[in-house]
């Protein structure tokens, strides 16, 4: 554990060092921006093509063609979901939460994008509507839909609580992939850090620790995305329910989540194109690139 007080005395210029102004690591002016006006016009004409219900403390797979929309909706009661995304063409191209966080911040909302892993690094999905965008950041520094938590998992739970729990989101996602015919060991290698849908989280100001609090989500709330590439999604209905008290147990009240896949009419996304993989030529300075 960290000591309660620093072991090193502050230097004479400590105040000046702390006062240095921050600089944004990745200014987003150069990012390819989504055409939100086009997306909004298209989403006003959507029709449902598929629906998947995710049971409490379980996960399910869903498929979204490029250029289609999908919504994750709260139904029976406040419930958090852990979302993985994969390219349908190559499962090793998957959601990269760390780079998404670096580009868009700790929490996502309308206009933000979910980016894929190296070497592809391209938009996988764009948030087109968020009924919780009113929440913003609360007095504790908390907000909704985070890309800072990883996913609840049985390994951390065992380390902290010394027992085995099989319905953590990590395990739920593995079972969902295995139910599609994938070898469980391969599935575990593909499960990755998530978008914590509806989860309200932040960092404590005094210790910088990751915290959660009861989600403000209510039945009827949803977050909606445009699939920028052909996607396979995996969504777990977290055992923590609204994550207001604990997770990785059967204590919390849990509810289903609904995933709806929607199509816009032909021509509604005129001019939209599937994003190409990242343009870096490769080589990494080793020659040949």
C-alpha atoms as a PDB file:
ATOM      1  CA  UNK A   1       0.000   0.000   0.000  1.00  0.00           C
ATOM      2  CA  UNK A   2       1.051   3.567  -0.581  1.00  0.00           C
ATOM      3  CA  UNK A   3       2.248   5.420   2.536  1.00  0.00           C
ATOM      4  CA  UNK A   4      -0.181   7.947   4.039  1.00  0.00           C
ATOM      5  CA  UNK A   5       2.352  10.733   3.659  1.00  0.00           C
ATOM      6  CA  UNK A   6       5.067  11.202   1.018  1.00  0.00           C
ATOM      7  CA  UNK A   7       8.452   9.748   1.859  1.00  0.00           C
ATOM      8  CA  UNK A   8      10.225  12.451  -0.155  1.00  0.00           C
ATOM      9  CA  UNK A   9      10.293  16.092   0.921  1.00  0.00           C
ATOM     10  CA  UNK A  10       8.924  18.554  -1.584  1.00  0.00           C
ATOM     11  CA  UNK A  11      11.600  20.623  -3.384  1.00  0.00           C
ATOM     12  CA  UNK A  12      11.680  24.404  -3.075  1.00  0.00           C
ATOM     13  CA  UNK A  13      10.049  24.836  -6.478  1.00  0.00           C
ATOM     14  CA  UNK A  14       7.277  22.278  -5.892  1.00  0.00           C
ATOM     15  CA  UNK A  15       4.538  24.878  -6.229  1.00  0.00           C
ATOM     16  CA  UNK A  16       5.889  26.072  -9.576  1.00  0.00           C
ATOM     17  CA  UNK A  17       6.205  22.519 -10.881  1.00  0.00           C
ATOM     18  CA  UNK A  18       2.596  21.741  -9.962  1.00  0.00           C
ATOM     19  CA  UNK A  19       1.404  24.974 -11.572  1.00  0.00           C
ATOM     20  CA  UNK A  20       2.584  24.007 -15.080  1.00  0.00           C
ATOM     21  CA  UNK A  21      -0.460  24.070 -17.366  1.00  0.00           C
ATOM     22  CA  UNK A  22      -1.588  20.743 -18.877  1.00  0.00           C
ATOM     23  CA  UNK A  23      -1.455  20.013 -22.597  1.00  0.00           C
ATOM     24  CA  UNK A  24      -3.955  17.723 -24.362  1.00  0.00           C
ATOM     25  CA  UNK A  25      -2.030  14.634 -25.469  1.00  0.00           C
ATOM     26  CA  UNK A  26      -4.020  14.006 -28.635  1.00  0.00           C
ATOM     27  CA  UNK A  27      -5.722  17.132 -30.023  1.00  0.00           C
ATOM     28  CA  UNK A  28      -8.688  15.863 -31.992  1.00  0.00           C
ATOM     29  CA  UNK A  29      -8.738  18.570 -34.681  1.00  0.00           C
ATOM     30  CA  UNK A  30      -7.047  16.166 -37.091  1.00  0.00           C
ATOM     31  CA  UNK A  31      -9.411  13.247 -36.484  1.00  0.00           C
ATOM     32  CA  UNK A  32     -11.769  12.276 -39.307  1.00  0.00           C
ATOM     33  CA  UNK A  33     -15.046  13.646 -37.966  1.00  0.00           C
ATOM     34  CA  UNK A  34     -18.352  11.801 -38.388  1.00  0.00           C
ATOM     35  CA  UNK A  35     -21.039  13.546 -40.414  1.00  0.00           C
ATOM     36  CA  UNK A  36     -23.487  13.816 -37.524  1.00  0.00           C
ATOM     37  CA  UNK A  37     -26.060  15.733 -39.598  1.00  0.00           C
ATOM     38  CA  UNK A  38     -26.170  12.811 -42.042  1.00  0.00           C
ATOM     39  CA  UNK A  39     -26.390  10.294 -39.208  1.00  0.00           C
ATOM     40  CA  UNK A  40     -29.210  12.203 -37.499  1.00  0.00           C
ATOM     41  CA  UNK A  41     -31.205  12.407 -40.717  1.00  0.00           C
ATOM     42  CA  UNK A  42     -30.741   8.666 -41.309  1.00  0.00           C
ATOM     43  CA  UNK A  43     -31.669   7.656 -37.774  1.00  0.00           C
ATOM     44  CA  UNK A  44     -35.015   9.421 -38.109  1.00  0.00           C
ATOM     45  CA  UNK A  45     -36.034   6.766 -40.675  1.00  0.00           C
ATOM     46  CA  UNK A  46     -34.868   3.545 -39.031  1.00  0.00           C
ATOM     47  CA  UNK A  47     -36.590   0.177 -39.121  1.00  0.00           C
ATOM     48  CA  UNK A  48     -35.751  -2.804 -36.914  1.00  0.00           C
ATOM     49  CA  UNK A  49     -34.004  -5.811 -38.446  1.00  0.00           C
ATOM     50  CA  UNK A  50     -33.028  -7.810 -35.347  1.00  0.00           C
ATOM     51  CA  UNK A  51     -33.373  -7.882 -31.573  1.00  0.00           C
ATOM     52  CA  UNK A  52     -31.320  -9.675 -28.918  1.00  0.00           C
ATOM     53  CA  UNK A  53     -32.238  -9.887 -25.237  1.00  0.00           C
ATOM     54  CA  UNK A  54     -29.306 -10.229 -22.849  1.00  0.00           C
ATOM     55  CA  UNK A  55     -30.393 -12.030 -19.652  1.00  0.00           C
ATOM     56  CA  UNK A  56     -29.187 -10.851 -16.225  1.00  0.00           C
ATOM     57  CA  UNK A  57     -25.671 -12.036 -15.336  1.00  0.00           C
ATOM     58  CA  UNK A  58     -25.202 -13.424 -18.851  1.00  0.00           C
ATOM     59  CA  UNK A  59     -23.881 -12.209 -22.208  1.00  0.00           C
ATOM     60  CA  UNK A  60     -25.083 -12.556 -25.771  1.00  0.00           C
ATOM     61  CA  UNK A  61     -23.644 -12.071 -29.259  1.00  0.00           C
ATOM     62  CA  UNK A  62     -25.210  -9.813 -31.896  1.00  0.00           C
ATOM     63  CA  UNK A  63     -24.299  -8.937 -35.497  1.00  0.00           C
ATOM     64  CA  UNK A  64     -24.483  -5.507 -37.130  1.00  0.00           C
ATOM     65  CA  UNK A  65     -23.709  -4.896 -40.821  1.00  0.00           C
ATOM     66  CA  UNK A  66     -21.725  -1.775 -41.678  1.00  0.00           C
ATOM     67  CA  UNK A  67     -24.030   1.190 -42.169  1.00  0.00           C
ATOM     68  CA  UNK A  68     -26.671  -0.189 -39.785  1.00  0.00           C
ATOM     69  CA  UNK A  69     -27.458   1.217 -36.375  1.00  0.00           C
ATOM     70  CA  UNK A  70     -27.718  -0.597 -33.044  1.00  0.00           C
ATOM     71  CA  UNK A  71     -29.187   0.424 -29.710  1.00  0.00           C
ATOM     72  CA  UNK A  72     -28.504  -0.900 -26.239  1.00  0.00           C
ATOM     73  CA  UNK A  73     -31.572  -0.255 -24.122  1.00  0.00           C
ATOM     74  CA  UNK A  74     -32.414  -0.486 -20.437  1.00  0.00           C
ATOM     75  CA  UNK A  75     -35.657  -2.451 -20.043  1.00  0.00           C
ATOM     76  CA  UNK A  76     -36.745  -3.926 -16.690  1.00  0.00           C
ATOM     77  CA  UNK A  77     -34.720  -1.757 -14.333  1.00  0.00           C
ATOM     78  CA  UNK A  78     -31.360   0.023 -13.884  1.00  0.00           C
ATOM     79  CA  UNK A  79     -28.662  -2.192 -15.379  1.00  0.00           C
ATOM     80  CA  UNK A  80     -25.060  -1.773 -16.520  1.00  0.00           C
ATOM     81  CA  UNK A  81     -23.677  -3.573 -19.581  1.00  0.00           C
ATOM     82  CA  UNK A  82     -20.128  -4.462 -20.641  1.00  0.00           C
ATOM     83  CA  UNK A  83     -19.645  -4.188 -24.416  1.00  0.00           C
ATOM     84  CA  UNK A  84     -17.018  -5.829 -26.619  1.00  0.00           C
ATOM     85  CA  UNK A  85     -16.856  -5.146 -30.366  1.00  0.00           C
ATOM     86  CA  UNK A  86     -15.065  -7.175 -33.046  1.00  0.00           C
ATOM     87  CA  UNK A  87     -14.627  -6.752 -36.769  1.00  0.00           C
ATOM     88  CA  UNK A  88     -16.747  -9.466 -38.356  1.00  0.00           C
ATOM     89  CA  UNK A  89     -14.010  -9.953 -40.963  1.00  0.00           C
ATOM     90  CA  UNK A  90     -11.155 -10.382 -38.465  1.00  0.00           C
ATOM     91  CA  UNK A  91     -11.791 -11.002 -34.768  1.00  0.00           C
ATOM     92  CA  UNK A  92      -8.295  -9.784 -33.885  1.00  0.00           C
ATOM     93  CA  UNK A  93      -9.470  -6.302 -34.876  1.00  0.00           C
ATOM     94  CA  UNK A  94     -11.362  -5.349 -31.749  1.00  0.00           C
ATOM     95  CA  UNK A  95     -12.313  -2.379 -29.640  1.00  0.00           C
ATOM     96  CA  UNK A  96      -9.349  -0.475 -28.165  1.00  0.00           C
ATOM     97  CA  UNK A  97     -10.660   1.224 -25.026  1.00  0.00           C
ATOM     98  CA  UNK A  98      -7.324   2.783 -24.065  1.00  0.00           C
ATOM     99  CA  UNK A  99      -6.871   4.628 -27.357  1.00  0.00           C
ATOM    100  CA  UNK A 100     -10.550   5.592 -27.383  1.00  0.00           C
ATOM    101  CA  UNK A 101     -10.078   7.065 -23.897  1.00  0.00           C
ATOM    102  CA  UNK A 102      -6.967   8.946 -24.995  1.00  0.00           C
ATOM    103  CA  UNK A 103      -8.808  10.451 -27.974  1.00  0.00           C
ATOM    104  CA  UNK A 104     -12.261  11.176 -26.531  1.00  0.00           C
ATOM    105  CA  UNK A 105     -11.891  11.180 -22.754  1.00  0.00           C
ATOM    106  CA  UNK A 106     -12.941   8.900 -19.924  1.00  0.00           C
ATOM    107  CA  UNK A 107     -16.630   8.670 -20.892  1.00  0.00           C
ATOM    108  CA  UNK A 108     -18.326   8.504 -24.296  1.00  0.00           C
ATOM    109  CA  UNK A 109     -21.442  10.196 -25.628  1.00  0.00           C
ATOM    110  CA  UNK A 110     -22.961  11.432 -28.889  1.00  0.00           C
ATOM    111  CA  UNK A 111     -20.369  12.077 -31.605  1.00  0.00           C
ATOM    112  CA  UNK A 112     -17.632  10.008 -29.930  1.00  0.00           C
ATOM    113  CA  UNK A 113     -16.301   6.905 -31.633  1.00  0.00           C
ATOM    114  CA  UNK A 114     -15.137   3.448 -30.584  1.00  0.00           C
ATOM    115  CA  UNK A 115     -11.725   2.835 -32.194  1.00  0.00           C
ATOM    116  CA  UNK A 116     -10.177  -0.494 -33.141  1.00  0.00           C
ATOM    117  CA  UNK A 117      -6.883  -2.046 -32.134  1.00  0.00           C
ATOM    118  CA  UNK A 118      -3.530  -1.773 -33.922  1.00  0.00           C
ATOM    119  CA  UNK A 119      -2.653  -2.047 -36.748  1.00  0.00           C
ATOM    120  CA  UNK A 120      -6.136  -1.079 -37.956  1.00  0.00           C
ATOM    121  CA  UNK A 121      -6.923   1.896 -35.666  1.00  0.00           C
ATOM    122  CA  UNK A 122     -10.118   3.049 -37.351  1.00  0.00           C
ATOM    123  CA  UNK A 123     -13.645   3.853 -36.163  1.00  0.00           C
ATOM    124  CA  UNK A 124     -15.685   0.742 -35.426  1.00  0.00           C
ATOM    125  CA  UNK A 125     -18.830   2.520 -34.219  1.00  0.00           C
ATOM    126  CA  UNK A 126     -19.982   6.099 -33.666  1.00  0.00           C
ATOM    127  CA  UNK A 127     -22.359   7.124 -30.871  1.00  0.00           C
ATOM    128  CA  UNK A 128     -25.367   8.644 -32.650  1.00  0.00           C
ATOM    129  CA  UNK A 129     -27.711   9.179 -29.677  1.00  0.00           C
ATOM    130  CA  UNK A 130     -27.453   8.962 -25.901  1.00  0.00           C
ATOM    131  CA  UNK A 131     -30.489   9.542 -23.683  1.00  0.00           C
ATOM    132  CA  UNK A 132     -28.167  10.009 -20.683  1.00  0.00           C
ATOM    133  CA  UNK A 133     -26.146  12.852 -22.225  1.00  0.00           C
ATOM    134  CA  UNK A 134     -27.903  15.219 -19.794  1.00  0.00           C
ATOM    135  CA  UNK A 135     -25.946  13.708 -16.881  1.00  0.00           C
ATOM    136  CA  UNK A 136     -22.570  15.259 -17.720  1.00  0.00           C
ATOM    137  CA  UNK A 137     -20.137  15.106 -14.779  1.00  0.00           C
ATOM    138  CA  UNK A 138     -21.523  15.153 -11.249  1.00  0.00           C
ATOM    139  CA  UNK A 139     -20.082  16.689  -8.081  1.00  0.00           C
ATOM    140  CA  UNK A 140     -18.005  13.553  -7.447  1.00  0.00           C
ATOM    141  CA  UNK A 141     -16.475  13.637 -10.935  1.00  0.00           C
ATOM    142  CA  UNK A 142     -18.644  10.743 -12.077  1.00  0.00           C
ATOM    143  CA  UNK A 143     -20.118  10.312 -15.543  1.00  0.00           C
ATOM    144  CA  UNK A 144     -21.786   7.614 -17.672  1.00  0.00           C
ATOM    145  CA  UNK A 145     -20.514   5.124 -20.322  1.00  0.00           C
ATOM    146  CA  UNK A 146     -16.887   4.809 -19.248  1.00  0.00           C
ATOM    147  CA  UNK A 147     -13.787   3.530 -21.016  1.00  0.00           C
ATOM    148  CA  UNK A 148     -11.652   3.463 -17.865  1.00  0.00           C
ATOM    149  CA  UNK A 149     -12.820   0.279 -16.172  1.00  0.00           C
ATOM    150  CA  UNK A 150     -11.769  -3.034 -17.644  1.00  0.00           C
ATOM    151  CA  UNK A 151     -14.660  -5.445 -16.844  1.00  0.00           C
ATOM    152  CA  UNK A 152     -15.351  -7.393 -13.669  1.00  0.00           C
ATOM    153  CA  UNK A 153     -13.435 -10.655 -13.795  1.00  0.00           C
ATOM    154  CA  UNK A 154     -13.018 -13.839 -11.722  1.00  0.00           C
ATOM    155  CA  UNK A 155      -9.269 -13.400 -11.274  1.00  0.00           C
ATOM    156  CA  UNK A 156      -9.423 -10.061  -9.490  1.00  0.00           C
ATOM    157  CA  UNK A 157     -12.449 -11.271  -7.530  1.00  0.00           C
ATOM    158  CA  UNK A 158     -10.564 -14.374  -6.380  1.00  0.00           C
ATOM    159  CA  UNK A 159      -7.538 -12.278  -5.420  1.00  0.00           C
ATOM    160  CA  UNK A 160      -9.662  -9.924  -3.291  1.00  0.00           C
ATOM    161  CA  UNK A 161     -12.370 -12.272  -1.993  1.00  0.00           C
ATOM    162  CA  UNK A 162     -10.720 -15.726  -2.169  1.00  0.00           C
ATOM    163  CA  UNK A 163     -13.626 -17.454  -3.879  1.00  0.00           C
ATOM    164  CA  UNK A 164     -14.668 -18.356  -7.399  1.00  0.00           C
ATOM    165  CA  UNK A 165     -17.510 -16.514  -9.130  1.00  0.00           C
ATOM    166  CA  UNK A 166     -18.398 -17.520 -12.679  1.00  0.00           C
ATOM    167  CA  UNK A 167     -20.778 -14.757 -13.763  1.00  0.00           C
ATOM    168  CA  UNK A 168     -18.341 -11.843 -13.885  1.00  0.00           C
ATOM    169  CA  UNK A 169     -18.584  -9.979 -17.188  1.00  0.00           C
ATOM    170  CA  UNK A 170     -15.255 -11.441 -18.350  1.00  0.00           C
ATOM    171  CA  UNK A 171     -16.597 -14.989 -17.932  1.00  0.00           C
ATOM    172  CA  UNK A 172     -20.003 -14.055 -19.368  1.00  0.00           C
ATOM    173  CA  UNK A 173     -18.353 -12.772 -22.542  1.00  0.00           C
ATOM    174  CA  UNK A 174     -16.234 -15.927 -22.840  1.00  0.00           C
ATOM    175  CA  UNK A 175     -19.339 -18.129 -22.560  1.00  0.00           C
ATOM    176  CA  UNK A 176     -21.145 -16.047 -25.172  1.00  0.00           C
ATOM    177  CA  UNK A 177     -18.319 -16.541 -27.665  1.00  0.00           C
ATOM    178  CA  UNK A 178     -18.051 -20.229 -26.770  1.00  0.00           C
ATOM    179  CA  UNK A 179     -21.788 -20.612 -27.427  1.00  0.00           C
ATOM    180  CA  UNK A 180     -21.051 -19.516 -31.006  1.00  0.00           C
ATOM    181  CA  UNK A 181     -18.723 -22.512 -31.383  1.00  0.00           C
ATOM    182  CA  UNK A 182     -15.423 -20.912 -30.379  1.00  0.00           C
ATOM    183  CA  UNK A 183     -12.881 -22.756 -28.245  1.00  0.00           C
ATOM    184  CA  UNK A 184     -13.105 -21.252 -24.718  1.00  0.00           C
ATOM    185  CA  UNK A 185      -9.337 -20.638 -24.507  1.00  0.00           C
ATOM    186  CA  UNK A 186      -9.405 -18.775 -27.803  1.00  0.00           C
ATOM    187  CA  UNK A 187     -12.461 -16.866 -26.620  1.00  0.00           C
ATOM    188  CA  UNK A 188     -10.707 -15.725 -23.448  1.00  0.00           C
ATOM    189  CA  UNK A 189      -7.804 -14.438 -25.525  1.00  0.00           C
ATOM    190  CA  UNK A 190     -10.206 -12.335 -27.602  1.00  0.00           C
ATOM    191  CA  UNK A 191     -12.276 -10.809 -24.783  1.00  0.00           C
ATOM    192  CA  UNK A 192     -11.020  -7.293 -24.199  1.00  0.00           C
ATOM    193  CA  UNK A 193     -11.489  -4.111 -22.193  1.00  0.00           C
ATOM    194  CA  UNK A 194     -15.019  -2.826 -22.571  1.00  0.00           C
ATOM    195  CA  UNK A 195     -17.256   0.160 -22.969  1.00  0.00           C
ATOM    196  CA  UNK A 196     -19.112   0.143 -19.651  1.00  0.00           C
ATOM    197  CA  UNK A 197     -22.549   1.013 -20.990  1.00  0.00           C
ATOM    198  CA  UNK A 198     -24.727   2.979 -18.506  1.00  0.00           C
ATOM    199  CA  UNK A 199     -22.118   2.590 -15.739  1.00  0.00           C
ATOM    200  CA  UNK A 200     -21.519   5.757 -13.669  1.00  0.00           C
ATOM    201  CA  UNK A 201     -17.871   6.003 -12.684  1.00  0.00           C
ATOM    202  CA  UNK A 202     -14.939   8.303 -12.069  1.00  0.00           C
ATOM    203  CA  UNK A 203     -11.793   8.748 -10.017  1.00  0.00           C
ATOM    204  CA  UNK A 204     -11.758   9.929  -6.414  1.00  0.00           C
ATOM    205  CA  UNK A 205     -10.133  13.340  -6.098  1.00  0.00           C
ATOM    206  CA  UNK A 206      -8.114  12.487  -2.973  1.00  0.00           C
ATOM    207  CA  UNK A 207      -6.716   9.044  -3.864  1.00  0.00           C
ATOM    208  CA  UNK A 208      -7.342   8.790  -7.622  1.00  0.00           C
ATOM    209  CA  UNK A 209      -9.135   5.459  -7.193  1.00  0.00           C
ATOM    210  CA  UNK A 210     -11.665   4.174  -9.696  1.00  0.00           C
ATOM    211  CA  UNK A 211     -15.163   4.411  -8.236  1.00  0.00           C
ATOM    212  CA  UNK A 212     -18.669   3.407  -9.262  1.00  0.00           C
ATOM    213  CA  UNK A 213     -22.051   4.648  -8.116  1.00  0.00           C
ATOM    214  CA  UNK A 214     -25.650   3.760  -8.871  1.00  0.00           C
ATOM    215  CA  UNK A 215     -26.320   4.321 -12.557  1.00  0.00           C
ATOM    216  CA  UNK A 216     -28.873   7.005 -13.467  1.00  0.00           C
ATOM    217  CA  UNK A 217     -30.228   4.765 -16.256  1.00  0.00           C
ATOM    218  CA  UNK A 218     -33.945   3.985 -16.240  1.00  0.00           C
ATOM    219  CA  UNK A 219     -36.165   1.777 -18.425  1.00  0.00           C
ATOM    220  CA  UNK A 220     -36.429   3.323 -21.889  1.00  0.00           C
ATOM    221  CA  UNK A 221     -32.978   4.909 -21.805  1.00  0.00           C
ATOM    222  CA  UNK A 222     -30.629   3.825 -24.574  1.00  0.00           C
ATOM    223  CA  UNK A 223     -27.325   4.504 -26.257  1.00  0.00           C
ATOM    224  CA  UNK A 224     -27.260   4.159 -30.040  1.00  0.00           C
ATOM    225  CA  UNK A 225     -24.416   3.634 -32.505  1.00  0.00           C
ATOM    226  CA  UNK A 226     -23.763   3.524 -36.228  1.00  0.00           C
ATOM    227  CA  UNK A 227     -21.681   0.477 -37.198  1.00  0.00           C
ATOM    228  CA  UNK A 228     -18.826   1.901 -39.261  1.00  0.00           C
ATOM    229  CA  UNK A 229     -17.643  -1.601 -40.221  1.00  0.00           C
ATOM    230  CA  UNK A 230     -19.264  -5.048 -40.150  1.00  0.00           C
ATOM    231  CA  UNK A 231     -19.435  -5.831 -36.443  1.00  0.00           C
ATOM    232  CA  UNK A 232     -19.852  -8.689 -34.030  1.00  0.00           C
ATOM    233  CA  UNK A 233     -20.886  -7.375 -30.634  1.00  0.00           C
ATOM    234  CA  UNK A 234     -20.819  -9.146 -27.278  1.00  0.00           C
ATOM    235  CA  UNK A 235     -22.758  -7.597 -24.404  1.00  0.00           C
ATOM    236  CA  UNK A 236     -22.816  -8.732 -20.780  1.00  0.00           C
ATOM    237  CA  UNK A 237     -25.539  -7.697 -18.314  1.00  0.00           C
ATOM    238  CA  UNK A 238     -23.224  -7.041 -15.359  1.00  0.00           C
ATOM    239  CA  UNK A 239     -23.841  -8.978 -12.123  1.00  0.00           C
ATOM    240  CA  UNK A 240     -23.534  -5.640 -10.323  1.00  0.00           C
ATOM    241  CA  UNK A 241     -26.928  -4.508 -11.654  1.00  0.00           C
ATOM    242  CA  UNK A 242     -26.796  -0.719 -11.464  1.00  0.00           C
ATOM    243  CA  UNK A 243     -23.325  -1.034  -9.812  1.00  0.00           C
ATOM    244  CA  UNK A 244     -24.462   1.049  -6.862  1.00  0.00           C
ATOM    245  CA  UNK A 245     -23.002  -1.265  -4.231  1.00  0.00           C
ATOM    246  CA  UNK A 246     -20.942  -4.197  -5.522  1.00  0.00           C
ATOM    247  CA  UNK A 247     -20.338  -6.450  -8.473  1.00  0.00           C
ATOM    248  CA  UNK A 248     -19.057 -10.010  -8.952  1.00  0.00           C
ATOM    249  CA  UNK A 249     -21.814 -11.518  -6.822  1.00  0.00           C
ATOM    250  CA  UNK A 250     -25.479 -12.515  -6.936  1.00  0.00           C
ATOM    251  CA  UNK A 251     -26.474  -9.840  -4.399  1.00  0.00           C
ATOM    252  CA  UNK A 252     -27.468  -6.957  -6.678  1.00  0.00           C
ATOM    253  CA  UNK A 253     -30.817  -6.760  -8.432  1.00  0.00           C
ATOM    254  CA  UNK A 254     -30.131  -7.406 -12.123  1.00  0.00           C
ATOM    255  CA  UNK A 255     -32.235  -6.872 -15.231  1.00  0.00           C
ATOM    256  CA  UNK A 256     -32.097  -7.784 -18.926  1.00  0.00           C
ATOM    257  CA  UNK A 257     -30.691  -5.485 -21.587  1.00  0.00           C
ATOM    258  CA  UNK A 258     -32.050  -5.226 -25.118  1.00  0.00           C
ATOM    259  CA  UNK A 259     -29.965  -4.828 -28.271  1.00  0.00           C
ATOM    260  CA  UNK A 260     -31.863  -3.671 -31.348  1.00  0.00           C
ATOM    261  CA  UNK A 261     -30.316  -3.624 -34.825  1.00  0.00           C
ATOM    262  CA  UNK A 262     -31.822  -1.039 -37.172  1.00  0.00           C
ATOM    263  CA  UNK A 263     -31.475  -0.220 -40.859  1.00  0.00           C
ATOM    264  CA  UNK A 264     -31.885   3.120 -42.596  1.00  0.00           C
ATOM    265  CA  UNK A 265     -33.642   3.219 -45.984  1.00  0.00           C
ATOM    266  CA  UNK A 266     -31.576   2.991 -49.150  1.00  0.00           C
ATOM    267  CA  UNK A 267     -29.827   6.262 -49.874  1.00  0.00           C
ATOM    268  CA  UNK A 268     -30.269   7.669 -46.368  1.00  0.00           C
ATOM    269  CA  UNK A 269     -26.503   7.471 -45.788  1.00  0.00           C
ATOM    270  CA  UNK A 270     -25.509   8.703 -49.245  1.00  0.00           C
ATOM    271  CA  UNK A 271     -21.841   9.625 -49.256  1.00  0.00           C
ATOM    272  CA  UNK A 272     -20.985   7.520 -46.181  1.00  0.00           C
ATOM    273  CA  UNK A 273     -18.118   5.061 -46.648  1.00  0.00           C
ATOM    274  CA  UNK A 274     -16.696   2.327 -44.476  1.00  0.00           C
ATOM    275  CA  UNK A 275     -13.453   3.693 -42.993  1.00  0.00           C
ATOM    276  CA  UNK A 276     -10.246   2.187 -44.332  1.00  0.00           C
ATOM    277  CA  UNK A 277      -7.640   0.664 -42.037  1.00  0.00           C
ATOM    278  CA  UNK A 278      -5.014   3.026 -40.671  1.00  0.00           C
ATOM    279  CA  UNK A 279      -2.629   4.430 -43.278  1.00  0.00           C
ATOM    280  CA  UNK A 280       0.637   3.828 -41.402  1.00  0.00           C
ATOM    281  CA  UNK A 281       2.897   1.916 -43.833  1.00  0.00           C
ATOM    282  CA  UNK A 282       4.415  -0.301 -41.170  1.00  0.00           C
ATOM    283  CA  UNK A 283       8.022  -1.299 -40.722  1.00  0.00           C
ATOM    284  CA  UNK A 284       8.503   0.374 -37.325  1.00  0.00           C
ATOM    285  CA  UNK A 285      11.910   1.587 -38.427  1.00  0.00           C
ATOM    286  CA  UNK A 286      13.146  -1.953 -39.062  1.00  0.00           C
ATOM    287  CA  UNK A 287      13.319  -1.520 -42.826  1.00  0.00           C
ATOM    288  CA  UNK A 288      10.898  -2.260 -45.556  1.00  0.00           C
ATOM    289  CA  UNK A 289       8.457   0.461 -44.550  1.00  0.00           C
END
